[in-house]
PDB file of all heavy atoms in Angstrom:
ATOM      1  N   ARG A   1       0.815  -1.256   0.028  1.00  0.00           N
ATOM      2  CA  ARG A   1       0.004  -0.017   0.013  1.00  0.00           C
ATOM      3  C   ARG A   1       0.829   1.263   0.005  1.00  0.00           C
ATOM      4  O   ARG A   1       0.632   2.185   0.757  1.00  0.00           O
ATOM      5  CB  ARG A   1      -0.937  -0.017   1.207  1.00  0.00           C
ATOM      6  CG  ARG A   1      -1.956  -1.197   1.120  1.00  0.00           C
ATOM      7  CD  ARG A   1      -3.047  -1.021   2.253  1.00  0.00           C
ATOM      8  NE  ARG A   1      -4.021  -2.109   2.135  1.00  0.00           N
ATOM      9  CZ  ARG A   1      -5.077  -2.228   2.929  1.00  0.00           C
ATOM     10  NH1 ARG A   1      -5.269  -1.371   3.846  1.00  0.00           N
ATOM     11  NH2 ARG A   1      -5.908  -3.206   2.723  1.00  0.00           N
ATOM     12  N   VAL A   2       1.834   1.266  -0.911  1.00  0.00           N
ATOM     13  CA  VAL A   2       2.707   2.494  -0.968  1.00  0.00           C
ATOM     14  C   VAL A   2       2.047   3.602  -1.729  1.00  0.00           C
ATOM     15  O   VAL A   2       2.464   4.764  -1.647  1.00  0.00           O
ATOM     16  CB  VAL A   2       4.006   2.074  -1.641  1.00  0.00           C
ATOM     17  CG1 VAL A   2       4.804   1.085  -0.789  1.00  0.00           C
ATOM     18  CG2 VAL A   2       3.817   1.587  -2.984  1.00  0.00           C
ATOM     19  N   TYR A   3       0.963   3.305  -2.457  1.00  0.00           N
ATOM     20  CA  TYR A   3       0.227   4.411  -3.198  1.00  0.00           C
ATOM     21  C   TYR A   3      -1.137   4.666  -2.545  1.00  0.00           C
ATOM     22  O   TYR A   3      -1.595   3.783  -1.781  1.00  0.00           O
ATOM     23  CB  TYR A   3       0.039   3.937  -4.634  1.00  0.00           C
ATOM     24  CG  TYR A   3       1.239   3.648  -5.332  1.00  0.00           C
ATOM     25  CD1 TYR A   3       1.574   2.290  -5.688  1.00  0.00           C
ATOM     26  CD2 TYR A   3       2.139   4.557  -5.787  1.00  0.00           C
ATOM     27  CE1 TYR A   3       2.674   1.951  -6.344  1.00  0.00           C
ATOM     28  CE2 TYR A   3       3.296   4.271  -6.484  1.00  0.00           C
ATOM     29  CZ  TYR A   3       3.576   2.947  -6.814  1.00  0.00           C
ATOM     30  OH  TYR A   3       4.656   2.632  -7.449  1.00  0.00           O
ATOM     31  N   ASP A   4      -1.724   5.720  -2.915  1.00  0.00           N
ATOM     32  CA  ASP A   4      -3.038   6.068  -2.317  1.00  0.00           C
ATOM     33  C   ASP A   4      -4.179   5.258  -2.995  1.00  0.00           C
ATOM     34  O   ASP A   4      -5.282   5.325  -2.450  1.00  0.00           O
ATOM     35  CB  ASP A   4      -3.358   7.618  -2.467  1.00  0.00           C
ATOM     36  CG  ASP A   4      -2.377   8.412  -1.705  1.00  0.00           C
ATOM     37  OD1 ASP A   4      -1.817   7.954  -0.714  1.00  0.00           O
ATOM     38  OD2 ASP A   4      -2.189   9.594  -2.076  1.00  0.00           O
ATOM     39  N   ALA A   5      -3.821   4.660  -4.054  1.00  0.00           N
ATOM     40  CA  ALA A   5      -4.853   3.813  -4.809  1.00  0.00           C
ATOM     41  C   ALA A   5      -4.202   2.621  -5.291  1.00  0.00           C
ATOM     42  O   ALA A   5      -2.940   2.514  -5.290  1.00  0.00           O
ATOM     43  CB  ALA A   5      -5.496   4.636  -5.969  1.00  0.00           C
ATOM     44  N   ALA A   6      -5.012   1.671  -5.852  1.00  0.00           N
ATOM     45  CA  ALA A   6      -4.528   0.427  -6.329  1.00  0.00           C
ATOM     46  C   ALA A   6      -3.756   0.673  -7.674  1.00  0.00           C
ATOM     47  O   ALA A   6      -3.995   1.582  -8.421  1.00  0.00           O
ATOM     48  CB  ALA A   6      -5.606  -0.562  -6.557  1.00  0.00           C
ATOM     49  N   ILE A   7      -2.708  -0.191  -7.948  1.00  0.00           N
ATOM     50  CA  ILE A   7      -1.993  -0.160  -9.236  1.00  0.00           C
ATOM     51  C   ILE A   7      -2.905  -0.591 -10.299  1.00  0.00           C
ATOM     52  O   ILE A   7      -3.517  -1.703 -10.165  1.00  0.00           O
ATOM     53  CB  ILE A   7      -0.702  -0.930  -9.107  1.00  0.00           C
ATOM     54  CG1 ILE A   7       0.265  -0.241  -8.130  1.00  0.00           C
ATOM     55  CG2 ILE A   7       0.009  -1.163 -10.494  1.00  0.00           C
ATOM     56  CD1 ILE A   7       1.414  -1.145  -7.820  1.00  0.00           C
ATOM     57  N   VAL A   8      -2.966   0.047 -11.428  1.00  0.00           N
ATOM     58  CA  VAL A   8      -3.771  -0.319 -12.532  1.00  0.00           C
ATOM     59  C   VAL A   8      -2.898  -0.789 -13.721  1.00  0.00           C
ATOM     60  O   VAL A   8      -3.442  -1.090 -14.812  1.00  0.00           O
ATOM     61  CB  VAL A   8      -4.720   0.755 -12.978  1.00  0.00           C
ATOM     62  CG1 VAL A   8      -5.693   1.127 -11.886  1.00  0.00           C
ATOM     63  CG2 VAL A   8      -3.961   2.015 -13.435  1.00  0.00           C
ATOM     64  N   THR A   9      -1.659  -0.934 -13.511  1.00  0.00           N
ATOM     65  CA  THR A   9      -0.715  -1.404 -14.578  1.00  0.00           C
ATOM     66  C   THR A   9      -1.124  -2.749 -15.157  1.00  0.00           C
ATOM     67  O   THR A   9      -1.259  -3.657 -14.363  1.00  0.00           O
ATOM     68  CB  THR A   9       0.683  -1.427 -14.114  1.00  0.00           C
ATOM     69  OG1 THR A   9       1.030  -0.194 -13.500  1.00  0.00           O
ATOM     70  CG2 THR A   9       1.655  -1.733 -15.231  1.00  0.00           C
ATOM     71  N   THR A  10      -1.239  -2.786 -16.457  1.00  0.00           N
ATOM     72  CA  THR A  10      -1.595  -4.192 -17.061  1.00  0.00           C
ATOM     73  C   THR A  10      -0.264  -4.770 -17.483  1.00  0.00           C
ATOM     74  O   THR A  10       0.774  -4.131 -17.763  1.00  0.00           O
ATOM     75  CB  THR A  10      -2.452  -4.030 -18.276  1.00  0.00           C
ATOM     76  OG1 THR A  10      -1.838  -3.109 -19.289  1.00  0.00           O
ATOM     77  CG2 THR A  10      -3.780  -3.417 -17.833  1.00  0.00           C
ATOM     78  N   ILE A  11      -0.312  -6.151 -17.655  1.00  0.00           N
ATOM     79  CA  ILE A  11       0.753  -6.898 -18.275  1.00  0.00           C
ATOM     80  C   ILE A  11       0.340  -7.559 -19.536  1.00  0.00           C
ATOM     81  O   ILE A  11      -0.626  -8.288 -19.587  1.00  0.00           O
ATOM     82  CB  ILE A  11       1.234  -7.999 -17.268  1.00  0.00           C
ATOM     83  CG1 ILE A  11       1.720  -7.338 -15.894  1.00  0.00           C
ATOM     84  CG2 ILE A  11       2.329  -8.862 -17.793  1.00  0.00           C
ATOM     85  CD1 ILE A  11       2.086  -8.342 -14.815  1.00  0.00           C
ATOM     86  N   GLU A  12       0.950  -7.117 -20.600  1.00  0.00           N
ATOM     87  CA  GLU A  12       0.525  -7.529 -21.923  1.00  0.00           C
ATOM     88  C   GLU A  12       1.654  -8.231 -22.732  1.00  0.00           C
ATOM     89  O   GLU A  12       2.419  -7.549 -23.319  1.00  0.00           O
ATOM     90  CB  GLU A  12      -0.064  -6.340 -22.718  1.00  0.00           C
ATOM     91  CG  GLU A  12      -1.238  -5.683 -22.045  1.00  0.00           C
ATOM     92  CD  GLU A  12      -1.736  -4.483 -22.875  1.00  0.00           C
ATOM     93  OE1 GLU A  12      -1.597  -4.414 -24.082  1.00  0.00           O
ATOM     94  OE2 GLU A  12      -2.217  -3.521 -22.167  1.00  0.00           O
ATOM     95  N   PRO A  13       1.766  -9.550 -22.601  1.00  0.00           N
ATOM     96  CA  PRO A  13       2.884 -10.244 -23.190  1.00  0.00           C
ATOM     97  C   PRO A  13       2.664 -10.410 -24.737  1.00  0.00           C
ATOM     98  O   PRO A  13       1.597 -10.208 -25.231  1.00  0.00           O
ATOM     99  CB  PRO A  13       2.891 -11.552 -22.498  1.00  0.00           C
ATOM    100  CG  PRO A  13       1.435 -11.844 -22.088  1.00  0.00           C
ATOM    101  CD  PRO A  13       0.871 -10.383 -21.822  1.00  0.00           C
ATOM    102  N   GLU A  14       3.799 -10.739 -25.375  1.00  0.00           N
ATOM    103  CA  GLU A  14       3.816 -11.126 -26.779  1.00  0.00           C
ATOM    104  C   GLU A  14       3.226 -10.028 -27.664  1.00  0.00           C
ATOM    105  O   GLU A  14       2.496 -10.302 -28.611  1.00  0.00           O
ATOM    106  CB  GLU A  14       3.109 -12.439 -26.985  1.00  0.00           C
ATOM    107  CG  GLU A  14       3.609 -13.582 -26.192  1.00  0.00           C
ATOM    108  CD  GLU A  14       2.849 -14.855 -26.377  1.00  0.00           C
ATOM    109  OE1 GLU A  14       1.909 -14.896 -27.267  1.00  0.00           O
ATOM    110  OE2 GLU A  14       3.239 -15.926 -25.813  1.00  0.00           O
ATOM    111  N   LYS A  15       3.605  -8.796 -27.401  1.00  0.00           N
ATOM    112  CA  LYS A  15       3.187  -7.634 -28.245  1.00  0.00           C
ATOM    113  C   LYS A  15       4.392  -7.066 -28.933  1.00  0.00           C
ATOM    114  O   LYS A  15       5.462  -6.896 -28.316  1.00  0.00           O
ATOM    115  CB  LYS A  15       2.522  -6.600 -27.413  1.00  0.00           C
ATOM    116  CG  LYS A  15       1.207  -7.015 -26.650  1.00  0.00           C
ATOM    117  CD  LYS A  15       0.107  -7.399 -27.651  1.00  0.00           C
ATOM    118  CE  LYS A  15      -1.162  -7.737 -26.841  1.00  0.00           C
ATOM    119  NZ  LYS A  15      -2.250  -8.056 -27.767  1.00  0.00           N
ATOM    120  N   ALA A  16       4.319  -6.830 -30.207  1.00  0.00           N
ATOM    121  CA  ALA A  16       5.428  -6.273 -30.985  1.00  0.00           C
ATOM    122  C   ALA A  16       5.528  -4.744 -30.624  1.00  0.00           C
ATOM    123  O   ALA A  16       4.600  -4.129 -30.306  1.00  0.00           O
ATOM    124  CB  ALA A  16       5.142  -6.429 -32.502  1.00  0.00           C
ATOM    125  N   PHE A  17       6.758  -4.314 -30.788  1.00  0.00           N
ATOM    126  CA  PHE A  17       7.095  -2.922 -30.616  1.00  0.00           C
ATOM    127  C   PHE A  17       7.447  -2.318 -31.887  1.00  0.00           C
ATOM    128  O   PHE A  17       8.236  -2.865 -32.755  1.00  0.00           O
ATOM    129  CB  PHE A  17       8.298  -2.802 -29.608  1.00  0.00           C
ATOM    130  CG  PHE A  17       8.780  -1.387 -29.475  1.00  0.00           C
ATOM    131  CD1 PHE A  17       8.200  -0.509 -28.513  1.00  0.00           C
ATOM    132  CD2 PHE A  17       9.833  -0.886 -30.273  1.00  0.00           C
ATOM    133  CE1 PHE A  17       8.618   0.789 -28.298  1.00  0.00           C
ATOM    134  CE2 PHE A  17      10.250   0.437 -30.152  1.00  0.00           C
ATOM    135  CZ  PHE A  17       9.696   1.262 -29.131  1.00  0.00           C
ATOM    136  N   TYR A  18       6.988  -1.045 -32.106  1.00  0.00           N
ATOM    137  CA  TYR A  18       7.273  -0.363 -33.405  1.00  0.00           C
ATOM    138  C   TYR A  18       7.841   1.023 -33.064  1.00  0.00           C
ATOM    139  O   TYR A  18       7.141   1.750 -32.373  1.00  0.00           O
ATOM    140  CB  TYR A  18       5.946  -0.204 -34.180  1.00  0.00           C
ATOM    141  CG  TYR A  18       5.236  -1.466 -34.468  1.00  0.00           C
ATOM    142  CD1 TYR A  18       4.173  -1.862 -33.633  1.00  0.00           C
ATOM    143  CD2 TYR A  18       5.659  -2.259 -35.525  1.00  0.00           C
ATOM    144  CE1 TYR A  18       3.584  -3.147 -33.857  1.00  0.00           C
ATOM    145  CE2 TYR A  18       5.029  -3.525 -35.799  1.00  0.00           C
ATOM    146  CZ  TYR A  18       3.952  -3.916 -34.912  1.00  0.00           C
ATOM    147  OH  TYR A  18       3.335  -5.109 -35.158  1.00  0.00           O
ATOM    148  N   PRO A  19       9.048   1.366 -33.523  1.00  0.00           N
ATOM    149  CA  PRO A  19       9.598   2.657 -33.135  1.00  0.00           C
ATOM    150  C   PRO A  19       8.785   3.793 -33.694  1.00  0.00           C
ATOM    151  O   PRO A  19       8.143   3.692 -34.741  1.00  0.00           O
ATOM    152  CB  PRO A  19      10.951   2.580 -33.930  1.00  0.00           C
ATOM    153  CG  PRO A  19      11.299   1.127 -34.053  1.00  0.00           C
ATOM    154  CD  PRO A  19       9.886   0.452 -34.266  1.00  0.00           C
ATOM    155  N   ALA A  20       8.736   4.909 -32.975  1.00  0.00           N
ATOM    156  CA  ALA A  20       7.977   6.037 -33.299  1.00  0.00           C
ATOM    157  C   ALA A  20       8.722   6.863 -34.367  1.00  0.00           C
ATOM    158  O   ALA A  20       9.939   6.626 -34.615  1.00  0.00           O
ATOM    159  CB  ALA A  20       7.707   6.900 -32.062  1.00  0.00           C
ATOM    160  N   GLU A  21       8.164   7.900 -34.870  1.00  0.00           N
ATOM    161  CA  GLU A  21       8.737   8.779 -35.822  1.00  0.00           C
ATOM    162  C   GLU A  21       9.946   9.455 -35.235  1.00  0.00           C
ATOM    163  O   GLU A  21      10.078   9.644 -34.064  1.00  0.00           O
ATOM    164  CB  GLU A  21       7.627   9.802 -36.295  1.00  0.00           C
ATOM    165  CG  GLU A  21       6.420   9.275 -36.935  1.00  0.00           C
ATOM    166  CD  GLU A  21       5.364   8.666 -35.999  1.00  0.00           C
ATOM    167  OE1 GLU A  21       5.620   8.601 -34.793  1.00  0.00           O
ATOM    168  OE2 GLU A  21       4.293   8.203 -36.546  1.00  0.00           O
ATOM    169  N   ASP A  22      10.845   9.761 -36.114  1.00  0.00           N
ATOM    170  CA  ASP A  22      12.147  10.375 -35.783  1.00  0.00           C
ATOM    171  C   ASP A  22      11.951  11.639 -34.864  1.00  0.00           C
ATOM    172  O   ASP A  22      12.730  11.795 -33.999  1.00  0.00           O
ATOM    173  CB  ASP A  22      12.987  10.778 -36.989  1.00  0.00           C
ATOM    174  CG  ASP A  22      13.557   9.526 -37.740  1.00  0.00           C
ATOM    175  OD1 ASP A  22      13.471   8.524 -37.175  1.00  0.00           O
ATOM    176  OD2 ASP A  22      13.957   9.749 -38.903  1.00  0.00           O
ATOM    177  N   TYR A  23      10.984  12.434 -35.153  1.00  0.00           N
ATOM    178  CA  TYR A  23      10.833  13.673 -34.322  1.00  0.00           C
ATOM    179  C   TYR A  23      10.493  13.405 -32.970  1.00  0.00           C
ATOM    180  O   TYR A  23      10.511  14.339 -32.073  1.00  0.00           O
ATOM    181  CB  TYR A  23       9.817  14.636 -35.045  1.00  0.00           C
ATOM    182  CG  TYR A  23       8.428  14.231 -35.120  1.00  0.00           C
ATOM    183  CD1 TYR A  23       7.538  14.503 -34.112  1.00  0.00           C
ATOM    184  CD2 TYR A  23       8.014  13.535 -36.258  1.00  0.00           C
ATOM    185  CE1 TYR A  23       6.213  14.006 -34.187  1.00  0.00           C
ATOM    186  CE2 TYR A  23       6.637  13.185 -36.392  1.00  0.00           C
ATOM    187  CZ  TYR A  23       5.752  13.371 -35.327  1.00  0.00           C
ATOM    188  OH  TYR A  23       4.441  13.020 -35.445  1.00  0.00           O
ATOM    189  N   HIS A  24      10.004  12.202 -32.536  1.00  0.00           N
ATOM    190  CA  HIS A  24       9.639  11.929 -31.233  1.00  0.00           C
ATOM    191  C   HIS A  24      10.910  11.431 -30.437  1.00  0.00           C
ATOM    192  O   HIS A  24      10.934  11.432 -29.185  1.00  0.00           O
ATOM    193  CB  HIS A  24       8.632  10.819 -31.138  1.00  0.00           C
ATOM    194  CG  HIS A  24       7.208  11.312 -31.400  1.00  0.00           C
ATOM    195  ND1 HIS A  24       6.604  12.369 -30.736  1.00  0.00           N
ATOM    196  CD2 HIS A  24       6.301  10.937 -32.438  1.00  0.00           C
ATOM    197  CE1 HIS A  24       5.422  12.508 -31.221  1.00  0.00           C
ATOM    198  NE2 HIS A  24       5.266  11.775 -32.260  1.00  0.00           N
ATOM    199  N   GLN A  25      11.904  10.984 -31.127  1.00  0.00           N
ATOM    200  CA  GLN A  25      13.149  10.401 -30.440  1.00  0.00           C
ATOM    201  C   GLN A  25      13.890  11.544 -29.758  1.00  0.00           C
ATOM    202  O   GLN A  25      14.093  12.596 -30.321  1.00  0.00           O
ATOM    203  CB  GLN A  25      13.971   9.604 -31.419  1.00  0.00           C
ATOM    204  CG  GLN A  25      13.235   8.545 -32.216  1.00  0.00           C
ATOM    205  CD  GLN A  25      12.591   7.496 -31.307  1.00  0.00           C
ATOM    206  OE1 GLN A  25      12.966   7.320 -30.145  1.00  0.00           O
ATOM    207  NE2 GLN A  25      11.547   6.865 -31.836  1.00  0.00           N
ATOM    208  N   ASP A  26      14.403  11.298 -28.574  1.00  0.00           N
ATOM    209  CA  ASP A  26      15.250  12.229 -27.844  1.00  0.00           C
ATOM    210  C   ASP A  26      14.441  13.626 -27.615  1.00  0.00           C
ATOM    211  O   ASP A  26      15.121  14.648 -27.423  1.00  0.00           O
ATOM    212  CB  ASP A  26      16.549  12.481 -28.543  1.00  0.00           C
ATOM    213  CG  ASP A  26      17.269  11.246 -28.871  1.00  0.00           C
ATOM    214  OD1 ASP A  26      17.168  10.248 -28.164  1.00  0.00           O
ATOM    215  OD2 ASP A  26      18.066  11.237 -29.924  1.00  0.00           O
ATOM    216  N   PHE A  27      13.191  13.579 -27.499  1.00  0.00           N
ATOM    217  CA  PHE A  27      12.420  14.822 -27.513  1.00  0.00           C
ATOM    218  C   PHE A  27      12.692  15.664 -26.263  1.00  0.00           C
ATOM    219  O   PHE A  27      12.802  16.824 -26.350  1.00  0.00           O
ATOM    220  CB  PHE A  27      10.884  14.515 -27.622  1.00  0.00           C
ATOM    221  CG  PHE A  27      10.072  15.696 -27.931  1.00  0.00           C
ATOM    222  CD1 PHE A  27       9.744  16.006 -29.238  1.00  0.00           C
ATOM    223  CD2 PHE A  27       9.646  16.530 -26.971  1.00  0.00           C
ATOM    224  CE1 PHE A  27       8.954  17.099 -29.557  1.00  0.00           C
ATOM    225  CE2 PHE A  27       8.818  17.706 -27.174  1.00  0.00           C
ATOM    226  CZ  PHE A  27       8.508  17.970 -28.532  1.00  0.00           C
ATOM    227  N   LEU A  28      12.777  14.985 -25.130  1.00  0.00           N
ATOM    228  CA  LEU A  28      13.085  15.737 -23.894  1.00  0.00           C
ATOM    229  C   LEU A  28      14.390  16.420 -23.964  1.00  0.00           C
ATOM    230  O   LEU A  28      14.513  17.627 -23.635  1.00  0.00           O
ATOM    231  CB  LEU A  28      13.049  14.776 -22.679  1.00  0.00           C
ATOM    232  CG  LEU A  28      13.207  15.420 -21.292  1.00  0.00           C
ATOM    233  CD1 LEU A  28      12.466  14.537 -20.287  1.00  0.00           C
ATOM    234  CD2 LEU A  28      14.622  15.520 -20.910  1.00  0.00           C
ATOM    235  N   THR A  29      15.447  15.730 -24.490  1.00  0.00           N
ATOM    236  CA  THR A  29      16.774  16.388 -24.541  1.00  0.00           C
ATOM    237  C   THR A  29      16.836  17.493 -25.614  1.00  0.00           C
ATOM    238  O   THR A  29      17.420  18.531 -25.345  1.00  0.00           O
ATOM    239  CB  THR A  29      17.861  15.358 -24.910  1.00  0.00           C
ATOM    240  OG1 THR A  29      17.862  14.354 -23.897  1.00  0.00           O
ATOM    241  CG2 THR A  29      19.191  15.897 -25.094  1.00  0.00           C
ATOM    242  N   ASN A  30      16.101  17.351 -26.643  1.00  0.00           N
ATOM    243  CA  ASN A  30      16.071  18.332 -27.756  1.00  0.00           C
ATOM    244  C   ASN A  30      15.193  19.503 -27.474  1.00  0.00           C
ATOM    245  O   ASN A  30      15.344  20.527 -28.130  1.00  0.00           O
ATOM    246  CB  ASN A  30      15.600  17.620 -29.038  1.00  0.00           C
ATOM    247  CG  ASN A  30      16.625  16.639 -29.586  1.00  0.00           C
ATOM    248  OD1 ASN A  30      17.837  16.726 -29.287  1.00  0.00           O
ATOM    249  ND2 ASN A  30      16.188  15.655 -30.349  1.00  0.00           N
ATOM    250  N   ASN A  31      14.210  19.332 -26.578  1.00  0.00           N
ATOM    251  CA  ASN A  31      13.272  20.399 -26.311  1.00  0.00           C
ATOM    252  C   ASN A  31      13.116  20.694 -24.782  1.00  0.00           C
ATOM    253  O   ASN A  31      11.965  20.622 -24.264  1.00  0.00           O
ATOM    254  CB  ASN A  31      11.906  20.063 -26.859  1.00  0.00           C
ATOM    255  CG  ASN A  31      12.024  19.847 -28.417  1.00  0.00           C
ATOM    256  OD1 ASN A  31      11.964  20.761 -29.217  1.00  0.00           O
ATOM    257  ND2 ASN A  31      12.107  18.542 -28.794  1.00  0.00           N
ATOM    258  N   PRO A  32      14.166  21.025 -24.064  1.00  0.00           N
ATOM    259  CA  PRO A  32      14.078  21.196 -22.627  1.00  0.00           C
ATOM    260  C   PRO A  32      13.278  22.383 -22.161  1.00  0.00           C
ATOM    261  O   PRO A  32      12.910  22.390 -20.965  1.00  0.00           O
ATOM    262  CB  PRO A  32      15.643  21.375 -22.196  1.00  0.00           C
ATOM    263  CG  PRO A  32      16.195  21.969 -23.425  1.00  0.00           C
ATOM    264  CD  PRO A  32      15.511  21.301 -24.582  1.00  0.00           C
ATOM    265  N   THR A  33      12.996  23.363 -23.058  1.00  0.00           N
ATOM    266  CA  THR A  33      12.163  24.468 -22.555  1.00  0.00           C
ATOM    267  C   THR A  33      10.776  24.371 -23.118  1.00  0.00           C
ATOM    268  O   THR A  33       9.967  25.252 -22.918  1.00  0.00           O
ATOM    269  CB  THR A  33      12.777  25.748 -23.101  1.00  0.00           C
ATOM    270  OG1 THR A  33      12.835  25.755 -24.509  1.00  0.00           O
ATOM    271  CG2 THR A  33      14.204  25.951 -22.487  1.00  0.00           C
ATOM    272  N   TYR A  34      10.437  23.330 -23.769  1.00  0.00           N
ATOM    273  CA  TYR A  34       9.032  23.057 -24.278  1.00  0.00           C
ATOM    274  C   TYR A  34       8.092  22.965 -23.046  1.00  0.00           C
ATOM    275  O   TYR A  34       8.363  22.260 -22.135  1.00  0.00           O
ATOM    276  CB  TYR A  34       9.012  21.835 -25.091  1.00  0.00           C
ATOM    277  CG  TYR A  34       7.775  21.584 -25.886  1.00  0.00           C
ATOM    278  CD1 TYR A  34       7.339  22.514 -26.866  1.00  0.00           C
ATOM    279  CD2 TYR A  34       6.963  20.449 -25.781  1.00  0.00           C
ATOM    280  CE1 TYR A  34       6.129  22.281 -27.621  1.00  0.00           C
ATOM    281  CE2 TYR A  34       5.837  20.157 -26.482  1.00  0.00           C
ATOM    282  CZ  TYR A  34       5.399  21.202 -27.420  1.00  0.00           C
ATOM    283  OH  TYR A  34       4.223  20.994 -28.179  1.00  0.00           O
ATOM    284  N   PRO A  35       7.124  23.780 -23.029  1.00  0.00           N
ATOM    285  CA  PRO A  35       6.236  23.822 -21.782  1.00  0.00           C
ATOM    286  C   PRO A  35       5.816  22.550 -21.258  1.00  0.00           C
ATOM    287  O   PRO A  35       5.755  22.279 -20.009  1.00  0.00           O
ATOM    288  CB  PRO A  35       5.116  24.777 -22.152  1.00  0.00           C
ATOM    289  CG  PRO A  35       5.742  25.664 -23.166  1.00  0.00           C
ATOM    290  CD  PRO A  35       6.667  24.855 -23.973  1.00  0.00           C
ATOM    291  N   TYR A  36       5.322  21.636 -22.116  1.00  0.00           N
ATOM    292  CA  TYR A  36       4.846  20.293 -21.669  1.00  0.00           C
ATOM    293  C   TYR A  36       6.023  19.608 -20.962  1.00  0.00           C
ATOM    294  O   TYR A  36       5.756  19.003 -19.940  1.00  0.00           O
ATOM    295  CB  TYR A  36       4.402  19.464 -22.883  1.00  0.00           C
ATOM    296  CG  TYR A  36       3.840  18.113 -22.526  1.00  0.00           C
ATOM    297  CD1 TYR A  36       2.483  17.915 -22.225  1.00  0.00           C
ATOM    298  CD2 TYR A  36       4.713  17.103 -22.270  1.00  0.00           C
ATOM    299  CE1 TYR A  36       2.058  16.695 -21.884  1.00  0.00           C
ATOM    300  CE2 TYR A  36       4.270  15.774 -21.899  1.00  0.00           C
ATOM    301  CZ  TYR A  36       2.930  15.637 -21.728  1.00  0.00           C
ATOM    302  OH  TYR A  36       2.380  14.351 -21.371  1.00  0.00           O
ATOM    303  N   ILE A  37       7.181  19.682 -21.601  1.00  0.00           N
ATOM    304  CA  ILE A  37       8.403  18.944 -21.006  1.00  0.00           C
ATOM    305  C   ILE A  37       8.703  19.566 -19.624  1.00  0.00           C
ATOM    306  O   ILE A  37       9.029  18.899 -18.649  1.00  0.00           O
ATOM    307  CB  ILE A  37       9.657  19.132 -21.920  1.00  0.00           C
ATOM    308  CG1 ILE A  37       9.288  18.283 -23.248  1.00  0.00           C
ATOM    309  CG2 ILE A  37      10.925  18.549 -21.180  1.00  0.00           C
ATOM    310  CD1 ILE A  37       9.234  16.723 -22.991  1.00  0.00           C
ATOM    311  N   VAL A  38       8.679  20.904 -19.521  1.00  0.00           N
ATOM    312  CA  VAL A  38       9.044  21.598 -18.275  1.00  0.00           C
ATOM    313  C   VAL A  38       8.144  21.236 -17.138  1.00  0.00           C
ATOM    314  O   VAL A  38       8.601  20.844 -16.070  1.00  0.00           O
ATOM    315  CB  VAL A  38       9.024  23.141 -18.479  1.00  0.00           C
ATOM    316  CG1 VAL A  38       9.156  23.844 -17.208  1.00  0.00           C
ATOM    317  CG2 VAL A  38      10.081  23.558 -19.442  1.00  0.00           C
ATOM    318  N   HIS A  39       6.866  21.138 -17.491  1.00  0.00           N
ATOM    319  CA  HIS A  39       5.800  20.891 -16.395  1.00  0.00           C
ATOM    320  C   HIS A  39       5.739  19.368 -16.100  1.00  0.00           C
ATOM    321  O   HIS A  39       5.622  19.017 -14.888  1.00  0.00           O
ATOM    322  CB  HIS A  39       4.474  21.360 -16.864  1.00  0.00           C
ATOM    323  CG  HIS A  39       3.428  21.235 -15.818  1.00  0.00           C
ATOM    324  ND1 HIS A  39       3.373  22.061 -14.717  1.00  0.00           N
ATOM    325  CD2 HIS A  39       2.359  20.404 -15.719  1.00  0.00           C
ATOM    326  CE1 HIS A  39       2.358  21.703 -13.918  1.00  0.00           C
ATOM    327  NE2 HIS A  39       1.752  20.671 -14.513  1.00  0.00           N
ATOM    328  N   ASN A  40       5.762  18.528 -17.070  1.00  0.00           N
ATOM    329  CA  ASN A  40       5.458  17.163 -16.836  1.00  0.00           C
ATOM    330  C   ASN A  40       6.612  16.180 -16.749  1.00  0.00           C
ATOM    331  O   ASN A  40       6.591  15.206 -16.087  1.00  0.00           O
ATOM    332  CB  ASN A  40       4.571  16.640 -17.919  1.00  0.00           C
ATOM    333  CG  ASN A  40       3.165  17.205 -17.931  1.00  0.00           C
ATOM    334  OD1 ASN A  40       2.319  16.988 -17.073  1.00  0.00           O
ATOM    335  ND2 ASN A  40       2.883  18.146 -18.897  1.00  0.00           N
ATOM    336  N   ASP A  41       7.757  16.568 -17.455  1.00  0.00           N
ATOM    337  CA  ASP A  41       8.820  15.560 -17.570  1.00  0.00           C
ATOM    338  C   ASP A  41      10.090  15.935 -16.896  1.00  0.00           C
ATOM    339  O   ASP A  41      10.817  15.018 -16.382  1.00  0.00           O
ATOM    340  CB  ASP A  41       9.123  15.346 -19.127  1.00  0.00           C
ATOM    341  CG  ASP A  41       7.836  14.679 -19.772  1.00  0.00           C
ATOM    342  OD1 ASP A  41       7.184  13.942 -19.050  1.00  0.00           O
ATOM    343  OD2 ASP A  41       7.645  14.918 -20.939  1.00  0.00           O
ATOM    344  N   LEU A  42      10.504  17.182 -16.888  1.00  0.00           N
ATOM    345  CA  LEU A  42      11.758  17.503 -16.113  1.00  0.00           C
ATOM    346  C   LEU A  42      11.710  17.122 -14.773  1.00  0.00           C
ATOM    347  O   LEU A  42      12.800  16.721 -14.141  1.00  0.00           O
ATOM    348  CB  LEU A  42      12.127  18.989 -16.393  1.00  0.00           C
ATOM    349  CG  LEU A  42      12.515  19.393 -17.739  1.00  0.00           C
ATOM    350  CD1 LEU A  42      12.995  20.810 -17.779  1.00  0.00           C
ATOM    351  CD2 LEU A  42      13.595  18.495 -18.335  1.00  0.00           C
ATOM    352  N   PRO A  43      10.548  17.221 -14.076  1.00  0.00           N
ATOM    353  CA  PRO A  43      10.515  16.742 -12.651  1.00  0.00           C
ATOM    354  C   PRO A  43      10.813  15.220 -12.538  1.00  0.00           C
ATOM    355  O   PRO A  43      11.426  14.840 -11.517  1.00  0.00           O
ATOM    356  CB  PRO A  43       9.101  17.091 -12.172  1.00  0.00           C
ATOM    357  CG  PRO A  43       8.591  18.190 -13.094  1.00  0.00           C
ATOM    358  CD  PRO A  43       9.334  17.944 -14.412  1.00  0.00           C
ATOM    359  N   LYS A  44      10.564  14.448 -13.513  1.00  0.00           N
ATOM    360  CA  LYS A  44      10.901  13.089 -13.491  1.00  0.00           C
ATOM    361  C   LYS A  44      12.444  12.908 -13.433  1.00  0.00           C
ATOM    362  O   LYS A  44      12.943  11.980 -12.728  1.00  0.00           O
ATOM    363  CB  LYS A  44      10.369  12.280 -14.683  1.00  0.00           C
ATOM    364  CG  LYS A  44       8.809  12.358 -14.868  1.00  0.00           C
ATOM    365  CD  LYS A  44       8.504  11.645 -16.152  1.00  0.00           C
ATOM    366  CE  LYS A  44       7.008  11.953 -16.578  1.00  0.00           C
ATOM    367  NZ  LYS A  44       6.073  10.931 -15.991  1.00  0.00           N
ATOM    368  N   ILE A  45      13.167  13.673 -14.180  1.00  0.00           N
ATOM    369  CA  ILE A  45      14.601  13.630 -14.237  1.00  0.00           C
ATOM    370  C   ILE A  45      15.162  13.939 -12.867  1.00  0.00           C
ATOM    371  O   ILE A  45      16.027  13.320 -12.339  1.00  0.00           O
ATOM    372  CB  ILE A  45      15.175  14.506 -15.305  1.00  0.00           C
ATOM    373  CG1 ILE A  45      14.511  14.152 -16.642  1.00  0.00           C
ATOM    374  CG2 ILE A  45      16.709  14.290 -15.340  1.00  0.00           C
ATOM    375  CD1 ILE A  45      14.698  12.800 -17.076  1.00  0.00           C
TER     376      ILE A  45
END
């Protein structure tokens, strides 16, 4: 009970992975001042 609610993470085996478009790769590093990154992602780092 480390969280305030139950974990909802699913486990989905045997699913293929497909790389995203080039402009999505390294997006955080390439766009450190992008507002979405500043608010949502830089705190993760």
